[in-house]
Amino acid sequence: MKPCLLHVVLVILYILLTTLPINTNSLTGDLVEPIDKPFVENYENRELNFITVGDWGYEGTEPGQTVTNQYKVAKAMETWAQYYHDDFVLNTGDNFYISYVGDHEGVTSVDDPKWNRIWKGVYKGRLAEIPWYTIAGNHDWYNNITAQVDYSLNYDSRFFLPSTYYVRESYIGPDKTKIAWIHIDTDIFYYNSTDLEETEKIPLKQQLKKFGWDSLQAKEDKLKWIEDRLVEQQNSKWIIVVGHHPLVGLCAMQYYMVRLRPLFEKYRVAAYFSGHAHTLQLELAKLGQPVTYFLSGAGSRMEERCPGQDWGVPDKVLGFLHTTINDTVMTYEYVDSTTLEPKVVYKGHVYPRY
């Protein structure tokens, strides 16, 4: 083959190989490893409005219910998102649960019917137009976590999960105020090997081993990645971290989670958003502790709490968190969506790093 023709063939092959969708269902750890380079977003508006919701993927009903928990929260979210013309959803994980006999945890593939039934089929209006910046919860790891990454990369980027660790930079208004968002996977920090001997958690143990995340060195590597990103983002007006497992009260004492709060406080993170515990709770920033720790994990289930919170809803409350952030302040409100008449139950504010 002539050199010039060979060159053309190689170029065509390169284009095909780099543009065709990748089926990550068959891949191992490469697409769950951290992405260092930030994803950059520019907004003309001087403020961002967003909803934080977690643990929303349970479509089952409680005894005596005619309307599912998920539906009630979704309808309230739709109302708030429309009113504020929200920019995105912060999704704190546990996206797909077992909801009935014969169902499965997580998703099995990018073609799993749950994508349409539990996500697209439930969240309507403005919620169906904006990105869902996503992290994975333990129930997502109980099945095919790479299928969720694959779905994000190759099927619907609104479900934004390019990897299990990634960074976003939002620049807002004419002054380009910088907001850094560091999305992390906390499953590696929350569970020790004893925890993962329970039957339902064995798939998580197997997946962590498959990806090489089952060693102490892997945990240290992920902590180093988080610290490196915090160092890089020190010029940001706001630094916000998003993870699945909470750091409110005594929940911060779980296994390797104890290493996160000192990091966040050292580098003056403004806020940490989480889910996992199926409730709405808050630990406020205070003297010597500059971080506000948010918990919004009541998107479809109602149980579990973190002792030691500064504020929290009573037992058996559904809901979500709504936030507005600009150059000078972050205002937030927790919304009780237990009934079809949602109401604000707590309001507050957070100030930027400088």
Protein backbone atom coordinates (compact mmCIF):
# COMPACT_ATOMS: atom_id res chain seq x y z
CA MET A 1 0.00 0.00 0.00
CA LYS A 2 1.31 3.44 -0.92
CA PRO A 3 2.35 5.62 2.05
CA CYS A 4 -0.22 8.34 1.32
CA LEU A 5 -3.06 5.81 1.05
CA LEU A 6 -1.93 4.11 4.26
CA HIS A 7 -1.99 7.45 6.01
CA VAL A 8 -5.59 8.08 4.87
CA VAL A 9 -6.69 4.62 6.08
CA LEU A 10 -5.06 5.19 9.48
CA VAL A 11 -6.78 8.57 9.85
CA ILE A 12 -10.18 7.02 9.01
CA LEU A 13 -9.60 4.22 11.53
CA TYR A 14 -8.63 6.74 14.20
CA ILE A 15 -11.80 8.78 13.62
CA LEU A 16 -13.98 5.69 13.80
CA LEU A 17 -12.36 4.41 16.97
CA THR A 18 -12.55 7.74 18.77
CA THR A 19 -16.11 8.67 17.82
CA LEU A 20 -18.04 5.42 18.08
CA PRO A 21 -19.90 4.87 21.38
CA ILE A 22 -18.08 2.66 23.88
CA ASN A 23 -19.95 -0.13 25.62
CA THR A 24 -18.62 0.28 29.14
CA ASN A 25 -20.72 -2.62 30.36
CA SER A 26 -17.80 -4.83 29.37
CA LEU A 27 -14.99 -2.65 30.69
CA THR A 28 -13.25 -2.79 34.04
CA GLY A 29 -11.97 0.07 36.15
CA ASP A 30 -10.94 2.67 33.61
CA LEU A 31 -14.28 4.52 33.49
CA VAL A 32 -14.76 4.65 37.24
CA GLU A 33 -11.35 6.20 37.88
CA PRO A 34 -11.15 9.94 38.69
CA ILE A 35 -11.10 12.58 35.97
CA ASP A 36 -8.64 15.36 36.80
CA LYS A 37 -9.58 17.96 34.21
CA PRO A 38 -12.59 20.08 35.24
CA PHE A 39 -15.77 20.33 33.18
CA VAL A 40 -16.34 24.05 32.60
CA GLU A 41 -19.77 25.75 32.56
CA ASN A 42 -20.46 29.42 31.82
CA TYR A 43 -23.68 31.09 32.93
CA GLU A 44 -24.79 34.60 31.98
CA ASN A 45 -26.97 34.87 35.07
CA ARG A 46 -25.54 36.20 38.31
CA GLU A 47 -26.92 33.27 40.31
CA LEU A 48 -27.54 29.54 40.06
CA ASN A 49 -30.63 27.74 41.29
CA PHE A 50 -30.58 24.01 41.93
CA ILE A 51 -32.26 21.15 43.73
CA THR A 52 -30.39 18.56 45.80
CA VAL A 53 -32.07 15.18 46.09
CA GLY A 54 -30.84 11.74 46.95
CA ASP A 55 -32.09 8.19 47.38
CA TRP A 56 -34.91 8.84 44.93
CA GLY A 57 -34.91 5.57 42.99
CA TYR A 58 -37.51 3.58 44.96
CA GLU A 59 -40.74 3.26 42.99
CA GLY A 60 -42.57 0.97 45.39
CA THR A 61 -45.50 1.90 47.63
CA GLU A 62 -45.89 1.73 51.38
CA PRO A 63 -48.85 -0.17 52.91
CA GLY A 64 -52.08 1.71 52.22
CA GLN A 65 -50.51 4.10 49.70
CA THR A 66 -52.06 4.95 46.36
CA VAL A 67 -49.37 7.51 45.42
CA THR A 68 -45.70 6.55 45.64
CA ASN A 69 -43.20 8.44 47.77
CA GLN A 70 -41.11 9.10 44.70
CA TYR A 71 -44.02 10.68 42.84
CA LYS A 72 -44.85 13.05 45.72
CA VAL A 73 -41.29 14.34 45.93
CA ALA A 74 -40.96 14.55 42.14
CA LYS A 75 -44.10 16.70 41.83
CA ALA A 76 -42.86 19.10 44.50
CA MET A 77 -39.45 19.27 42.85
CA GLU A 78 -41.12 20.06 39.53
CA THR A 79 -42.99 22.96 41.13
CA TRP A 80 -39.86 24.44 42.71
CA ALA A 81 -37.75 23.91 39.57
CA GLN A 82 -40.34 25.69 37.44
CA TYR A 83 -40.75 28.60 39.85
CA TYR A 84 -37.00 29.25 40.19
CA HIS A 85 -36.19 28.19 36.62
CA ASP A 86 -33.57 25.87 38.08
CA ASP A 87 -30.27 25.30 36.33
CA PHE A 88 -29.61 21.70 37.41
CA VAL A 89 -30.18 18.95 39.95
CA LEU A 90 -27.47 17.77 42.34
CA ASN A 91 -28.12 14.04 42.53
CA THR A 92 -26.56 12.54 45.66
CA GLY A 93 -26.97 8.92 44.59
CA ASP A 94 -28.88 5.69 45.21
CA ASN A 95 -30.53 6.18 41.86
CA PHE A 96 -32.13 2.74 41.48
CA TYR A 97 -33.38 0.43 44.24
CA ILE A 98 -35.13 -2.92 44.45
CA SER A 99 -38.77 -1.81 44.55
CA TYR A 100 -40.74 -5.08 44.43
CA VAL A 101 -40.31 -8.85 44.48
CA GLY A 102 -38.27 -9.92 41.47
CA ASP A 103 -36.75 -6.49 40.95
CA HIS A 104 -32.98 -5.84 40.98
CA GLU A 105 -30.68 -3.26 42.54
CA GLY A 106 -29.17 -0.54 40.37
CA VAL A 107 -29.33 -1.06 36.62
CA THR A 108 -28.12 -4.04 34.64
CA SER A 109 -27.25 -2.11 31.45
CA VAL A 110 -27.88 1.05 29.45
CA ASP A 111 -31.05 -0.65 28.13
CA ASP A 112 -32.51 -1.37 31.56
CA PRO A 113 -36.22 -0.33 31.60
CA LYS A 114 -35.55 1.53 34.85
CA TRP A 115 -34.00 4.44 32.96
CA ASN A 116 -37.36 5.35 31.46
CA ARG A 117 -39.58 4.08 34.22
CA ILE A 118 -37.86 5.53 37.30
CA TRP A 119 -36.02 8.56 35.93
CA LYS A 120 -37.44 9.90 32.66
CA GLY A 121 -40.95 8.69 33.38
CA VAL A 122 -41.21 10.41 36.76
CA TYR A 123 -39.31 13.72 36.63
CA LYS A 124 -41.17 16.03 34.29
CA GLY A 125 -41.30 19.70 33.29
CA ARG A 126 -38.15 21.66 34.06
CA LEU A 127 -36.63 18.56 35.68
CA ALA A 128 -36.64 16.86 32.28
CA GLU A 129 -34.77 19.75 30.65
CA ILE A 130 -31.80 20.33 32.96
CA PRO A 131 -28.70 18.29 33.82
CA TRP A 132 -28.63 15.95 36.80
CA TYR A 133 -25.07 16.15 38.15
CA THR A 134 -24.78 12.70 39.63
CA ILE A 135 -22.71 10.63 42.00
CA ALA A 136 -23.13 6.93 42.76
CA GLY A 137 -24.57 5.48 45.95
CA ASN A 138 -24.11 2.03 47.41
CA HIS A 139 -27.29 0.71 45.76
CA ASP A 140 -25.89 1.78 42.38
CA TRP A 141 -22.75 -0.23 43.11
CA TYR A 142 -24.83 -3.32 43.96
CA ASN A 143 -25.28 -3.82 40.21
CA ASN A 144 -23.53 -2.46 37.11
CA ILE A 145 -22.05 0.91 38.03
CA THR A 146 -20.24 1.26 34.69
CA ALA A 147 -23.61 1.04 32.91
CA GLN A 148 -24.57 4.32 34.57
CA VAL A 149 -21.31 5.91 33.39
CA ASP A 150 -21.88 4.47 29.91
CA TYR A 151 -25.43 5.84 29.83
CA SER A 152 -24.13 9.29 30.73
CA LEU A 153 -21.31 9.31 28.19
CA ASN A 154 -23.07 7.75 25.22
CA TYR A 155 -26.85 7.87 25.64
CA ASP A 156 -28.08 10.84 27.69
CA SER A 157 -25.58 13.35 29.05
CA ARG A 158 -28.29 15.02 31.17
CA PHE A 159 -27.67 12.14 33.57
CA PHE A 160 -24.18 13.52 34.11
CA LEU A 161 -21.85 10.85 35.49
CA PRO A 162 -18.69 10.85 33.35
CA SER A 163 -16.85 8.98 36.10
CA THR A 164 -17.29 8.33 39.80
CA TYR A 165 -14.95 11.24 40.63
CA TYR A 166 -15.00 14.46 38.63
CA VAL A 167 -14.79 18.24 38.96
CA ARG A 168 -16.96 21.03 37.55
CA GLU A 169 -16.19 24.73 37.38
CA SER A 170 -19.15 27.10 37.06
CA TYR A 171 -18.52 30.73 36.08
CA ILE A 172 -21.50 32.99 36.76
CA GLY A 173 -22.42 36.54 35.77
CA PRO A 174 -20.36 39.22 34.02
CA ASP A 175 -17.64 39.00 36.69
CA LYS A 176 -17.26 35.24 36.11
CA THR A 177 -17.50 34.31 39.78
CA LYS A 178 -16.00 30.84 40.09
CA ILE A 179 -17.80 27.98 41.81
CA ALA A 180 -15.93 24.66 42.05
CA TRP A 181 -17.89 21.42 42.47
CA ILE A 182 -15.93 18.30 43.44
CA HIS A 183 -18.00 15.14 42.99
CA ILE A 184 -16.68 12.11 44.88
CA ASP A 185 -17.59 8.48 45.43
CA THR A 186 -17.72 7.80 49.17
CA ASP A 187 -18.51 4.07 49.04
CA ILE A 188 -14.80 3.32 49.25
CA PHE A 189 -14.59 5.31 52.50
CA TYR A 190 -17.84 4.27 54.19
CA TYR A 191 -17.61 0.48 54.22
CA ASN A 192 -14.95 -1.73 55.74
CA SER A 193 -14.58 -5.39 54.84
CA THR A 194 -16.77 -6.53 57.76
CA ASP A 195 -19.65 -4.31 56.62
CA LEU A 196 -19.53 -5.88 53.17
CA GLU A 197 -20.08 -9.44 54.41
CA GLU A 198 -23.85 -8.81 54.57
CA THR A 199 -25.66 -10.57 51.72
CA GLU A 200 -26.98 -7.44 50.02
CA LYS A 201 -23.55 -5.79 50.12
CA ILE A 202 -21.54 -8.67 48.63
CA PRO A 203 -21.93 -7.27 45.07
CA LEU A 204 -20.37 -4.00 46.28
CA LYS A 205 -17.47 -5.92 47.79
CA GLN A 206 -16.99 -7.81 44.52
CA GLN A 207 -17.08 -4.63 42.44
CA LEU A 208 -14.60 -2.79 44.66
CA LYS A 209 -12.25 -5.76 44.30
CA LYS A 210 -12.79 -5.86 40.52
CA PHE A 211 -11.78 -2.22 40.21
CA GLY A 212 -8.87 -2.51 42.63
CA TRP A 213 -10.59 -0.32 45.22
CA ASP A 214 -10.52 -2.83 48.07
CA SER A 215 -7.15 -1.90 49.58
CA LEU A 216 -6.06 0.75 52.05
CA GLN A 217 -3.76 2.13 49.36
CA ALA A 218 -6.75 2.67 47.07
CA LYS A 219 -8.45 4.70 49.79
CA GLU A 220 -5.31 6.77 50.31
CA ASP A 221 -5.06 7.34 46.56
CA LYS A 222 -8.62 8.65 46.42
CA LEU A 223 -8.01 10.92 49.41
CA LYS A 224 -4.92 12.24 47.66
CA TRP A 225 -6.97 12.93 44.52
CA ILE A 226 -9.52 14.87 46.58
CA GLU A 227 -6.81 16.91 48.30
CA ASP A 228 -5.10 17.67 45.00
CA ARG A 229 -8.36 18.98 43.57
CA LEU A 230 -8.97 21.11 46.67
CA VAL A 231 -5.52 22.63 46.31
CA GLU A 232 -6.14 23.37 42.62
CA GLN A 233 -9.43 25.10 43.40
CA GLN A 234 -8.21 27.50 46.08
CA ASN A 235 -8.87 30.47 43.79
CA SER A 236 -12.61 29.63 43.74
CA LYS A 237 -15.08 31.90 45.53
CA TRP A 238 -17.04 28.78 46.42
CA ILE A 239 -15.82 25.18 46.80
CA ILE A 240 -18.61 22.63 47.12
CA VAL A 241 -18.14 18.87 47.52
CA VAL A 242 -20.85 16.35 46.66
CA GLY A 243 -20.86 12.75 47.92
CA HIS A 244 -23.36 10.05 48.75
CA HIS A 245 -22.63 9.33 52.41
CA PRO A 246 -23.29 12.00 55.04
CA LEU A 247 -20.85 13.86 57.26
CA VAL A 248 -23.52 15.19 59.62
CA GLY A 249 -22.94 14.49 63.32
CA LEU A 250 -21.92 10.96 64.21
CA CYS A 251 -22.25 9.76 60.60
CA ALA A 252 -18.89 11.48 60.02
CA MET A 253 -17.26 8.89 62.28
CA GLN A 254 -17.89 5.93 59.96
CA TYR A 255 -14.65 4.15 58.94
CA TYR A 256 -12.55 6.25 56.48
CA MET A 257 -15.18 9.01 56.39
CA VAL A 258 -13.33 10.47 59.41
CA ARG A 259 -10.59 11.57 57.01
CA LEU A 260 -12.87 13.79 54.93
CA ARG A 261 -13.97 16.50 57.35
CA PRO A 262 -10.41 17.55 58.28
CA LEU A 263 -9.60 17.88 54.57
CA PHE A 264 -12.69 19.95 53.84
CA GLU A 265 -12.11 22.19 56.82
CA LYS A 266 -8.39 22.65 56.07
CA TYR A 267 -9.14 23.90 52.56
CA ARG A 268 -12.24 25.87 53.58
CA VAL A 269 -14.88 24.05 51.61
CA ALA A 270 -18.09 26.07 51.83
CA ALA A 271 -20.52 23.14 51.81
CA TYR A 272 -20.79 19.37 51.49
CA PHE A 273 -23.99 17.89 50.01
CA SER A 274 -24.93 14.25 50.67
CA GLY A 275 -27.71 11.68 50.89
CA HIS A 276 -27.76 8.01 52.01
CA ALA A 277 -29.63 8.59 55.28
CA HIS A 278 -33.28 8.81 54.24
CA THR A 279 -34.04 12.10 55.91
CA LEU A 280 -33.35 15.85 55.77
CA GLN A 281 -30.66 17.09 58.16
CA LEU A 282 -28.07 19.81 58.56
CA GLU A 283 -24.91 20.61 60.50
CA LEU A 284 -24.12 24.31 60.44
CA ALA A 285 -20.76 26.00 59.96
CA LYS A 286 -19.45 27.50 63.19
CA LEU A 287 -16.32 28.97 64.74
CA GLY A 288 -13.39 26.72 63.87
CA GLN A 289 -15.54 24.63 61.51
CA PRO A 290 -16.19 26.53 58.26
CA VAL A 291 -18.16 23.86 56.38
CA THR A 292 -21.95 23.50 56.24
CA TYR A 293 -22.89 19.82 55.94
CA PHE A 294 -26.17 19.21 54.11
CA LEU A 295 -28.08 15.92 54.04
CA SER A 296 -30.86 15.42 51.49
CA GLY A 297 -31.63 11.72 51.19
CA ALA A 298 -35.43 11.62 51.40
CA GLY A 299 -36.26 11.46 47.69
CA SER A 300 -38.30 8.26 47.94
CA ARG A 301 -37.66 6.60 51.31
CA MET A 302 -38.06 7.63 54.97
CA GLU A 303 -35.83 6.09 57.60
CA GLU A 304 -32.35 6.35 59.16
CA ARG A 305 -30.85 9.43 60.77
CA CYS A 306 -27.48 10.86 61.76
CA PRO A 307 -27.32 11.62 65.52
CA GLY A 308 -25.78 14.96 66.36
CA GLN A 309 -27.32 17.25 63.75
CA ASP A 310 -28.03 20.95 64.32
CA TRP A 311 -31.38 20.60 62.57
CA GLY A 312 -33.42 17.77 61.12
CA VAL A 313 -36.96 16.82 60.21
CA PRO A 314 -38.95 14.34 62.33
CA ASP A 315 -39.13 10.68 61.33
CA LYS A 316 -41.13 9.68 58.27
CA VAL A 317 -40.62 12.87 56.24
CA LEU A 318 -39.93 13.01 52.51
CA GLY A 319 -38.41 15.94 50.68
CA PHE A 320 -35.48 17.74 49.09
CA LEU A 321 -33.25 20.80 49.35
CA HIS A 322 -33.45 23.89 47.17
CA THR A 323 -30.51 26.30 46.88
CA THR A 324 -29.68 29.64 45.25
CA ILE A 325 -26.04 30.71 45.03
CA ASN A 326 -24.48 33.95 43.85
CA ASP A 327 -21.34 36.02 44.41
CA THR A 328 -22.11 36.91 48.01
CA VAL A 329 -24.40 34.30 49.57
CA MET A 330 -25.95 30.84 49.25
CA THR A 331 -29.54 30.65 50.44
CA TYR A 332 -31.28 27.35 50.96
CA GLU A 333 -34.60 25.88 51.99
CA TYR A 334 -35.61 22.36 52.93
CA VAL A 335 -38.94 21.28 51.48
CA ASP A 336 -41.19 18.70 53.17
CA SER A 337 -42.90 16.74 50.37
CA THR A 338 -44.53 14.04 52.48
CA THR A 339 -47.97 15.07 51.23
CA LEU A 340 -49.12 16.50 47.92
CA GLU A 341 -49.06 19.94 49.60
CA PRO A 342 -45.31 20.53 50.07
CA LYS A 343 -44.02 23.20 52.44
CA VAL A 344 -40.73 24.85 53.39
CA VAL A 345 -39.67 23.65 56.85
CA TYR A 346 -36.24 25.27 57.27
CA LYS A 347 -34.31 28.16 55.69
CA GLY A 348 -30.77 29.40 56.02
CA HIS A 349 -27.73 30.84 54.32
CA VAL A 350 -24.02 30.15 53.77
CA TYR A 351 -21.31 32.67 52.97
CA PRO A 352 -18.46 32.24 50.45
CA ARG A 353 -14.86 31.40 51.29
CA TYR A 354 -13.68 35.01 50.89
